[in-house]
C-alpha atoms as a PDB file:
ATOM      1  CA  MET A   1       0.000   0.000   0.000  1.00  0.00           C
ATOM      2  CA  GLY A   2       1.054   3.542  -0.786  1.00  0.00           C
ATOM      3  CA  GLY A   3       4.529   4.954  -0.938  1.00  0.00           C
ATOM      4  CA  ALA A   4       6.793   7.675   0.358  1.00  0.00           C
ATOM      5  CA  ASP A   5       4.339  10.490  -0.458  1.00  0.00           C
ATOM      6  CA  GLU A   6       1.598   8.879   1.602  1.00  0.00           C
ATOM      7  CA  ASP A   7       3.996   8.140   4.444  1.00  0.00           C
ATOM      8  CA  THR A   8       5.032  11.780   4.706  1.00  0.00           C
ATOM      9  CA  ARG A   9       1.551  13.229   4.109  1.00  0.00           C
ATOM     10  CA  ALA A  10       0.294  11.030   6.943  1.00  0.00           C
ATOM     11  CA  ASN A  11       2.039  13.532   9.240  1.00  0.00           C
ATOM     12  CA  GLU A  12      -0.435  16.272   8.336  1.00  0.00           C
ATOM     13  CA  TRP A  13      -2.361  17.726  11.229  1.00  0.00           C
ATOM     14  CA  TYR A  14      -5.760  16.247  10.415  1.00  0.00           C
ATOM     15  CA  VAL A  15      -4.626  12.651   9.864  1.00  0.00           C
ATOM     16  CA  PRO A  16      -5.153  10.512  13.000  1.00  0.00           C
ATOM     17  CA  ARG A  17      -2.068   9.039  14.604  1.00  0.00           C
ATOM     18  CA  ILE A  18      -3.870   5.808  15.456  1.00  0.00           C
ATOM     19  CA  GLY A  19      -5.385   3.116  13.279  1.00  0.00           C
ATOM     20  CA  SER A  20      -4.163   1.126  10.309  1.00  0.00           C
ATOM     21  CA  ARG A  21      -2.307   2.716   7.411  1.00  0.00           C
ATOM     22  CA  ARG A  22      -5.347   2.131   5.192  1.00  0.00           C
ATOM     23  CA  PHE A  23      -7.648   3.873   7.677  1.00  0.00           C
ATOM     24  CA  ARG A  24      -5.279   6.819   8.026  1.00  0.00           C
ATOM     25  CA  ALA A  25      -4.893   7.067   4.256  1.00  0.00           C
ATOM     26  CA  LEU A  26      -8.670   7.066   3.821  1.00  0.00           C
ATOM     27  CA  ILE A  27      -9.004   9.969   6.288  1.00  0.00           C
ATOM     28  CA  GLY A  28      -6.177  11.731   4.495  1.00  0.00           C
ATOM     29  CA  MET A  29      -7.757  11.259   1.082  1.00  0.00           C
ATOM     30  CA  THR A  30     -11.082  12.729   2.192  1.00  0.00           C
ATOM     31  CA  PHE A  31      -9.373  15.834   3.639  1.00  0.00           C
ATOM     32  CA  LEU A  32     -11.983  15.731   6.397  1.00  0.00           C
ATOM     33  CA  PRO A  33     -11.582  19.226   7.963  1.00  0.00           C
ATOM     34  CA  TYR A  34     -11.708  20.864   4.539  1.00  0.00           C
ATOM     35  CA  THR A  35     -14.727  18.788   3.583  1.00  0.00           C
ATOM     36  CA  LEU A  36     -16.447  20.031   6.741  1.00  0.00           C
ATOM     37  CA  VAL A  37     -15.569  23.575   5.703  1.00  0.00           C
ATOM     38  CA  ASN A  38     -17.232  22.946   2.354  1.00  0.00           C
ATOM     39  CA  VAL A  39     -20.337  21.574   4.063  1.00  0.00           C
ATOM     40  CA  SER A  40     -20.325  24.585   6.388  1.00  0.00           C
ATOM     41  CA  TYR A  41     -20.706  26.860   3.369  1.00  0.00           C
ATOM     42  CA  ILE A  42     -23.968  25.051   2.613  1.00  0.00           C
ATOM     43  CA  VAL A  43     -25.051  25.582   6.212  1.00  0.00           C
ATOM     44  CA  ILE A  44     -24.133  29.265   6.081  1.00  0.00           C
ATOM     45  CA  GLY A  45     -26.003  29.825   2.825  1.00  0.00           C
ATOM     46  CA  SER A  46     -29.100  28.070   4.131  1.00  0.00           C
ATOM     47  CA  LEU A  47     -29.089  29.993   7.395  1.00  0.00           C
ATOM     48  CA  LEU A  48     -28.879  33.326   5.565  1.00  0.00           C
ATOM     49  CA  SER A  49     -32.305  32.568   4.104  1.00  0.00           C
ATOM     50  CA  PRO A  50     -35.326  34.341   5.643  1.00  0.00           C
ATOM     51  CA  VAL A  51     -36.994  30.952   6.193  1.00  0.00           C
ATOM     52  CA  VAL A  52     -34.983  27.819   6.891  1.00  0.00           C
ATOM     53  CA  HIS A  53     -36.168  24.324   5.973  1.00  0.00           C
ATOM     54  CA  PHE A  54     -33.820  22.119   7.948  1.00  0.00           C
ATOM     55  CA  ASP A  55     -34.608  19.036   5.901  1.00  0.00           C
ATOM     56  CA  ARG A  56     -33.308  20.827   2.802  1.00  0.00           C
ATOM     57  CA  LEU A  57     -30.241  22.022   4.710  1.00  0.00           C
ATOM     58  CA  GLY A  58     -29.500  18.472   5.853  1.00  0.00           C
ATOM     59  CA  ALA A  59     -30.049  17.070   2.379  1.00  0.00           C
ATOM     60  CA  MET A  60     -27.640  19.514   0.730  1.00  0.00           C
ATOM     61  CA  ALA A  61     -25.075  18.933   3.469  1.00  0.00           C
ATOM     62  CA  LEU A  62     -25.267  15.205   2.689  1.00  0.00           C
ATOM     63  CA  VAL A  63     -24.954  15.910  -1.041  1.00  0.00           C
ATOM     64  CA  TYR A  64     -21.711  17.813  -0.496  1.00  0.00           C
ATOM     65  CA  LEU A  65     -20.341  15.250   1.940  1.00  0.00           C
ATOM     66  CA  LEU A  66     -20.776  12.623  -0.745  1.00  0.00           C
ATOM     67  CA  ALA A  67     -19.926  14.662  -3.823  1.00  0.00           C
ATOM     68  CA  VAL A  68     -16.961  16.592  -2.447  1.00  0.00           C
ATOM     69  CA  GLY A  69     -15.793  14.641   0.578  1.00  0.00           C
ATOM     70  CA  VAL A  70     -15.788  11.319  -1.231  1.00  0.00           C
ATOM     71  CA  SER A  71     -16.316  11.624  -4.995  1.00  0.00           C
ATOM     72  CA  ALA A  72     -14.232  14.717  -5.771  1.00  0.00           C
ATOM     73  CA  HIS A  73     -11.324  13.603  -3.616  1.00  0.00           C
ATOM     74  CA  ALA A  74     -11.410  10.075  -5.007  1.00  0.00           C
ATOM     75  CA  LEU A  75     -11.268  11.463  -8.554  1.00  0.00           C
ATOM     76  CA  ASP A  76      -8.460  13.801  -7.565  1.00  0.00           C
ATOM     77  CA  ALA A  77      -6.485  10.820  -6.241  1.00  0.00           C
ATOM     78  CA  THR A  78      -6.600   9.165  -9.682  1.00  0.00           C
ATOM     79  CA  GLY A  79      -4.290  11.822 -11.081  1.00  0.00           C
ATOM     80  CA  PRO A  80      -0.551  11.354 -11.548  1.00  0.00           C
ATOM     81  CA  ASN A  81       1.675  11.957  -8.522  1.00  0.00           C
ATOM     82  CA  LYS A  82      -1.295  12.473  -6.203  1.00  0.00           C
ATOM     83  CA  PRO A  83      -0.793  11.321  -2.616  1.00  0.00           C
ATOM     84  CA  TRP A  84      -3.409   9.099  -1.024  1.00  0.00           C
ATOM     85  CA  GLY A  85      -4.239   7.374  -4.296  1.00  0.00           C
ATOM     86  CA  GLY A  86      -1.758   4.559  -3.843  1.00  0.00           C
ATOM     87  CA  PHE A  87      -3.744   2.527  -1.344  1.00  0.00           C
ATOM     88  CA  LEU A  88      -6.525   1.981  -3.872  1.00  0.00           C
ATOM     89  CA  ALA A  89      -6.279   1.021  -7.530  1.00  0.00           C
ATOM     90  CA  ARG A  90      -7.501   3.534 -10.122  1.00  0.00           C
ATOM     91  CA  ARG A  91     -10.598   1.454 -10.870  1.00  0.00           C
ATOM     92  CA  GLN A  92     -11.360   1.294  -7.139  1.00  0.00           C
ATOM     93  CA  LEU A  93     -11.061   5.071  -6.840  1.00  0.00           C
ATOM     94  CA  ILE A  94     -13.386   5.580  -9.809  1.00  0.00           C
ATOM     95  CA  ALA A  95     -15.852   3.090  -8.350  1.00  0.00           C
ATOM     96  CA  LEU A  96     -15.727   4.894  -4.995  1.00  0.00           C
ATOM     97  CA  ALA A  97     -16.297   8.229  -6.710  1.00  0.00           C
ATOM     98  CA  SER A  98     -19.257   6.835  -8.643  1.00  0.00           C
ATOM     99  CA  VAL A  99     -20.862   5.173  -5.630  1.00  0.00           C
ATOM    100  CA  ALA A 100     -20.806   8.514  -3.807  1.00  0.00           C
ATOM    101  CA  LEU A 101     -21.733  10.728  -6.743  1.00  0.00           C
ATOM    102  CA  VAL A 102     -24.829   8.838  -7.922  1.00  0.00           C
ATOM    103  CA  PRO A 103     -26.845   9.261  -4.704  1.00  0.00           C
ATOM    104  CA  ALA A 104     -25.587  12.843  -4.362  1.00  0.00           C
ATOM    105  CA  LEU A 105     -26.928  13.660  -7.832  1.00  0.00           C
ATOM    106  CA  ALA A 106     -30.200  11.856  -7.114  1.00  0.00           C
ATOM    107  CA  ILE A 107     -30.788  13.813  -3.907  1.00  0.00           C
ATOM    108  CA  GLY A 108     -29.851  17.096  -5.559  1.00  0.00           C
ATOM    109  CA  LEU A 109     -32.128  16.405  -8.523  1.00  0.00           C
ATOM    110  CA  TYR A 110     -35.041  15.573  -6.233  1.00  0.00           C
ATOM    111  CA  TYR A 111     -34.790  18.876  -4.389  1.00  0.00           C
ATOM    112  CA  ALA A 112     -34.242  20.762  -7.631  1.00  0.00           C
ATOM    113  CA  LEU A 113     -37.358  19.331  -9.285  1.00  0.00           C
ATOM    114  CA  TYR A 114     -39.672  19.571  -6.291  1.00  0.00           C
ATOM    115  CA  PHE A 115     -38.501  22.629  -4.367  1.00  0.00           C
ATOM    116  CA  ALA A 116     -35.790  24.736  -6.010  1.00  0.00           C
ATOM    117  CA  PRO A 117     -35.309  24.605  -9.805  1.00  0.00           C
ATOM    118  CA  ILE A 118     -32.453  27.093  -9.429  1.00  0.00           C
ATOM    119  CA  LEU A 119     -30.406  24.114  -8.255  1.00  0.00           C
ATOM    120  CA  LEU A 120     -30.483  22.774 -11.814  1.00  0.00           C
ATOM    121  CA  VAL A 121     -28.277  25.714 -12.823  1.00  0.00           C
ATOM    122  CA  LEU A 122     -26.113  25.881  -9.712  1.00  0.00           C
ATOM    123  CA  GLY A 123     -25.761  22.113  -9.554  1.00  0.00           C
ATOM    124  CA  SER A 124     -24.706  21.942 -13.193  1.00  0.00           C
ATOM    125  CA  PHE A 125     -21.895  24.381 -12.472  1.00  0.00           C
ATOM    126  CA  GLU A 126     -20.822  22.372  -9.430  1.00  0.00           C
ATOM    127  CA  LEU A 127     -20.839  19.097 -11.370  1.00  0.00           C
ATOM    128  CA  PHE A 128     -18.776  20.711 -14.114  1.00  0.00           C
ATOM    129  CA  PHE A 129     -16.198  21.943 -11.631  1.00  0.00           C
ATOM    130  CA  LEU A 130     -16.172  18.624  -9.762  1.00  0.00           C
ATOM    131  CA  LEU A 131     -15.099  16.860 -12.944  1.00  0.00           C
ATOM    132  CA  SER A 132     -12.973  19.549 -14.598  1.00  0.00           C
ATOM    133  CA  TYR A 133     -11.056  20.542 -11.446  1.00  0.00           C
ATOM    134  CA  ASN A 134     -10.385  17.114  -9.984  1.00  0.00           C
ATOM    135  CA  LEU A 135      -9.684  15.352 -13.279  1.00  0.00           C
ATOM    136  CA  GLU A 136      -7.718  18.376 -14.516  1.00  0.00           C
ATOM    137  CA  LEU A 137      -9.657  18.471 -17.772  1.00  0.00           C
ATOM    138  CA  PHE A 138      -9.020  21.123 -20.448  1.00  0.00           C
ATOM    139  CA  ASP A 139      -5.270  20.919 -19.764  1.00  0.00           C
ATOM    140  CA  GLY A 140      -5.869  21.808 -16.142  1.00  0.00           C
ATOM    141  CA  TYR A 141      -7.347  25.236 -16.971  1.00  0.00           C
ATOM    142  CA  PHE A 142      -9.835  25.038 -14.082  1.00  0.00           C
ATOM    143  CA  HIS A 143      -7.370  23.440 -11.663  1.00  0.00           C
ATOM    144  CA  THR A 144      -6.345  26.790 -10.182  1.00  0.00           C
ATOM    145  CA  ASP A 145      -6.726  28.615  -6.885  1.00  0.00           C
ATOM    146  CA  LEU A 146      -9.297  30.988  -8.386  1.00  0.00           C
ATOM    147  CA  TRP A 147     -11.615  28.254  -9.651  1.00  0.00           C
ATOM    148  CA  PHE A 148     -11.159  26.282  -6.436  1.00  0.00           C
ATOM    149  CA  ALA A 149     -12.437  29.273  -4.457  1.00  0.00           C
ATOM    150  CA  VAL A 150     -15.335  29.800  -6.868  1.00  0.00           C
ATOM    151  CA  SER A 151     -16.430  26.173  -6.998  1.00  0.00           C
ATOM    152  CA  TRP A 152     -15.879  25.077  -3.400  1.00  0.00           C
ATOM    153  CA  GLY A 153     -16.298  28.402  -1.587  1.00  0.00           C
ATOM    154  CA  PHE A 154     -18.592  30.782  -3.453  1.00  0.00           C
ATOM    155  CA  LEU A 155     -21.041  28.420  -5.152  1.00  0.00           C
ATOM    156  CA  PRO A 156     -21.850  26.213  -2.118  1.00  0.00           C
ATOM    157  CA  VAL A 157     -23.163  29.248  -0.225  1.00  0.00           C
ATOM    158  CA  LEU A 158     -25.412  30.080  -3.173  1.00  0.00           C
ATOM    159  CA  VAL A 159     -26.586  26.467  -3.290  1.00  0.00           C
ATOM    160  CA  GLY A 160     -27.411  26.558   0.417  1.00  0.00           C
ATOM    161  CA  TYR A 161     -29.424  29.730  -0.027  1.00  0.00           C
ATOM    162  CA  GLY A 162     -31.001  28.611  -3.286  1.00  0.00           C
ATOM    163  CA  VAL A 163     -32.333  25.327  -1.911  1.00  0.00           C
ATOM    164  CA  GLN A 164     -34.209  27.311   0.722  1.00  0.00           C
ATOM    165  CA  THR A 165     -35.654  30.083  -1.435  1.00  0.00           C
ATOM    166  CA  ASP A 166     -35.268  29.053  -5.095  1.00  0.00           C
ATOM    167  CA  SER A 167     -33.646  32.465  -5.545  1.00  0.00           C
ATOM    168  CA  LEU A 168     -30.530  34.478  -4.826  1.00  0.00           C
ATOM    169  CA  SER A 169     -30.037  37.728  -2.956  1.00  0.00           C
ATOM    170  CA  LEU A 170     -27.415  40.241  -1.870  1.00  0.00           C
ATOM    171  CA  ALA A 171     -27.142  38.348   1.402  1.00  0.00           C
ATOM    172  CA  ALA A 172     -26.382  35.157  -0.517  1.00  0.00           C
ATOM    173  CA  VAL A 173     -23.743  36.922  -2.618  1.00  0.00           C
ATOM    174  CA  ALA A 174     -22.183  38.442   0.511  1.00  0.00           C
ATOM    175  CA  GLY A 175     -22.074  34.998   2.097  1.00  0.00           C
ATOM    176  CA  GLY A 176     -20.613  33.652  -1.125  1.00  0.00           C
ATOM    177  CA  LEU A 177     -17.824  36.233  -0.981  1.00  0.00           C
ATOM    178  CA  PHE A 178     -17.041  35.043   2.548  1.00  0.00           C
ATOM    179  CA  GLY A 179     -16.886  31.505   1.180  1.00  0.00           C
ATOM    180  CA  PHE A 180     -14.703  32.614  -1.716  1.00  0.00           C
ATOM    181  CA  SER A 181     -12.223  34.515   0.436  1.00  0.00           C
ATOM    182  CA  THR A 182     -11.817  31.784   3.036  1.00  0.00           C
ATOM    183  CA  ALA A 183     -11.523  29.057   0.387  1.00  0.00           C
ATOM    184  CA  TYR A 184      -8.949  31.158  -1.448  1.00  0.00           C
ATOM    185  CA  ALA A 185      -6.943  31.596   1.748  1.00  0.00           C
ATOM    186  CA  GLU A 186      -7.176  27.854   2.362  1.00  0.00           C
ATOM    187  CA  ILE A 187      -5.917  26.765  -1.044  1.00  0.00           C
ATOM    188  CA  ASN A 188      -3.146  29.376  -1.084  1.00  0.00           C
ATOM    189  CA  ALA A 189      -1.828  28.041   2.209  1.00  0.00           C
ATOM    190  CA  SER A 190      -2.566  24.418   1.363  1.00  0.00           C
ATOM    191  CA  ARG A 191      -0.472  24.107  -1.795  1.00  0.00           C
ATOM    192  CA  PRO A 192       2.900  25.141  -0.276  1.00  0.00           C
ATOM    193  CA  TYR A 193       2.023  23.304   2.940  1.00  0.00           C
ATOM    194  CA  LYS A 194       1.411  20.042   1.071  1.00  0.00           C
ATOM    195  CA  ALA A 195       4.678  20.488  -0.835  1.00  0.00           C
ATOM    196  CA  LEU A 196       6.558  20.845   2.438  1.00  0.00           C
ATOM    197  CA  LYS A 197       4.794  17.914   4.087  1.00  0.00           C
ATOM    198  CA  LYS A 198       5.705  15.652   1.189  1.00  0.00           C
ATOM    199  CA  GLN A 199       9.306  16.006   2.335  1.00  0.00           C
ATOM    200  CA  ALA A 200      10.467  13.599   5.025  1.00  0.00           C
ATOM    201  CA  LEU A 201      12.300  16.554   6.614  1.00  0.00           C
ATOM    202  CA  PRO A 202      10.669  19.863   5.560  1.00  0.00           C
ATOM    203  CA  ALA A 203      13.213  22.347   4.245  1.00  0.00           C
ATOM    204  CA  ASP A 204      11.517  25.119   6.225  1.00  0.00           C
ATOM    205  CA  PRO A 205       9.743  23.712   9.311  1.00  0.00           C
ATOM    206  CA  ALA A 206       8.922  27.214  10.568  1.00  0.00           C
ATOM    207  CA  LEU A 207       7.061  27.993   7.341  1.00  0.00           C
ATOM    208  CA  ALA A 208       5.267  24.642   7.505  1.00  0.00           C
ATOM    209  CA  SER A 209       4.149  25.498  11.047  1.00  0.00           C
ATOM    210  CA  ARG A 210       2.869  28.931   9.987  1.00  0.00           C
ATOM    211  CA  LEU A 211       0.966  27.502   7.043  1.00  0.00           C
ATOM    212  CA  GLU A 212      -0.537  24.826   9.254  1.00  0.00           C
ATOM    213  CA  SER A 213      -1.715  27.532  11.673  1.00  0.00           C
ATOM    214  CA  ILE A 214      -3.335  29.412   8.783  1.00  0.00           C
ATOM    215  CA  LEU A 215      -5.139  26.265   7.633  1.00  0.00           C
ATOM    216  CA  LYS A 216      -6.373  25.517  11.137  1.00  0.00           C
ATOM    217  CA  GLY A 217      -7.487  29.130  11.461  1.00  0.00           C
ATOM    218  CA  VAL A 218      -9.489  29.011   8.234  1.00  0.00           C
ATOM    219  CA  VAL A 219     -11.181  25.770   9.279  1.00  0.00           C
ATOM    220  CA  ALA A 220     -11.987  27.166  12.739  1.00  0.00           C
ATOM    221  CA  THR A 221     -13.302  30.446  11.305  1.00  0.00           C
ATOM    222  CA  VAL A 222     -15.695  28.841   8.830  1.00  0.00           C
ATOM    223  CA  LEU A 223     -16.968  26.219  11.270  1.00  0.00           C
ATOM    224  CA  ALA A 224     -17.447  28.898  13.938  1.00  0.00           C
ATOM    225  CA  ALA A 225     -19.399  31.097  11.495  1.00  0.00           C
ATOM    226  CA  ALA A 226     -21.702  28.195  10.650  1.00  0.00           C
ATOM    227  CA  ALA A 227     -22.151  27.315  14.334  1.00  0.00           C
ATOM    228  CA  PHE A 228     -22.903  30.935  15.242  1.00  0.00           C
ATOM    229  CA  LEU A 229     -25.550  31.259  12.532  1.00  0.00           C
ATOM    230  CA  LEU A 230     -27.090  27.961  13.563  1.00  0.00           C
ATOM    231  CA  ALA A 231     -27.260  29.007  17.220  1.00  0.00           C
ATOM    232  CA  TYR A 232     -28.701  32.367  16.215  1.00  0.00           C
ATOM    233  CA  ARG A 233     -31.471  30.797  14.112  1.00  0.00           C
ATOM    234  CA  LEU A 234     -32.313  28.180  16.737  1.00  0.00           C
ATOM    235  CA  LEU A 235     -32.186  30.429  19.773  1.00  0.00           C
ATOM    236  CA  GLY A 236     -32.873  33.867  18.348  1.00  0.00           C
END
């Protein structure tokens, strides 16, 4: 199973220190804290709506857990020189991505047809980015920090709001800009951090520590924003 890249990446802050190598690699491949950030954007968008249907919020959160947390990351691991892909064969990664994506699409389509047709547009964009970003289609044109922030930061907030109201608003756009900026900060810190962590002995451990603090700060900020909005809507 795996190789040197996976062995060094297993030292990243979110990978558990206990459990089998396969279990740790699976947690690493799903990038769990960042997946929770992505889901939090759905929560934030939904809670910015004047009226909140919690069943729709929960459904969209599940869609993104499956589509991003599992499917997108499994597809990303099929690429060349991608850590975490070595513990599963390419066909296994594609099968895992498909098994997660099919129910995610089915749930999203149900809510689009019965409650919020705007999801047909927003969901089409998200599906496009899921495939083009993670498979690096079009010569990797969409595999950039900008499109990462648009697809996994800005759009999920709009989806969260849209599933509640079948519309968009200035509040949704403002929330989307929060998603964009935090996702952009995340990916800008993540790329050099991952490069350093791939080294058995990082060339600049102080920089690796600073980047790790930034990543933890982004995760904490987004999760705290979602938790605050949730508490406000439940208790306010």
